């Protein structure tokens, strides 16, 4: 059968991709963009819930810049505030009052945020969190989970051999084998597995890092009591618990997943959702851990950290999200749950074997013939990735932009 997307005009986008490949490695600037089908697209305008490509095709966008555009594309209030603040300067290479205002807002909202440190990318902030944990505990071993993504740094870009060993398998060439002994990769949502690892090696573990919801693989919610168990095991063994809230932060709840779930980590990582998409990240954590930065014992630096545009956007974003009269997160949740319900109804009607799962404001669709997906291993066993890829391309031809993963809701999406 002729692919549906061939009915679309993508000539200019194809031409730009071919041109890009002559100057940009792979024609893209982020690994995951290269996998877009039918090929990486080029866009010229984003407004509200819609994106327009260089060929003039307009799409309802559920990718939203891979998640952070919580208000949609080009929200006027955010543009207005950033433009106003940047007239006085872009990058001071020093301090300014907006940094304090943003940090004070975070401290009011996020349970673990006794002190914070701003950075620029999620990968960078994760790396800082791991360094802090190792310095605070005097241990090297970090435990992560199968199917969780914490950026592209050498220290955490691992999966597992999908056996009982919990041994780390690098996900990229160029990661030194010497780093493998310092990482354990454990099945998520599996109380028996995490208990066994802590019984055997708990006193070696510096930190457990986890997404509170496994947004990067099928948007799997934690089983009842699971994160509480992980919290208890960390506390008992002296390991730190790090929540990677790059996706869940300020989307599940204005205080992050930790506020919604009532589980306080020692450190938490946040990123560009806190600024409506402007480049920023943050480590927030307990004072005794974060004081390692204050004392200078742990080094962290960055020229663009705390830049005026990103911090101004963060202040405006957090103020708007915390406004109860706006109820933005409630709106995202309600619309997302309604969309999930509609997808399930269509699946039932046409016997598609589709499942839609997640908390609503972010969710995932997969084709598993109705079989449950509760962790990375069941995702790999039951999800038909080729069928999902065909679905994503077919939806593109109908003016709906998706990715083979999470769907993100924004304030700009309506019923």
Foldseek 3Di string as FASTA:
>chain_A
DDALCVVPDQPVQVVQQVVLVVPPPCSDDDDVQQPDPPGRFAWDDWDQQWTAGPSGFIFREQCLVVAQQQATPPDPVLVVLLVVQCVVHWFDLDDDDLVVLLLVLLPVQAVFFPDKFKDFAQLQQVVLVLLLLCVVLVAQAEEEEALADRDDDLLPQWHDPPDLPQWTDHPDPPRDPVNRVRYGYFWALDVVSVVVCCVVCLLRYSEYEYACFSQRFQRAHHDPCRVVSVLVSCVVNVHFYEHEQQNQDLQLALNGVCVVVVNHTQKYKYFSSLLSRHGMIMIGGHPVSCVCVVVVVRDDDDRCTPTRSRSSSNSVSSVQSPPVVNVSSVQQQVQQVVVQVVVVVVCVVVVQQKHWDHRRQKIAIFRQSVDDDNTDVSSVVRGDQVVLSSVQSSVVSVRHHDDNGMGHGHSSDDD
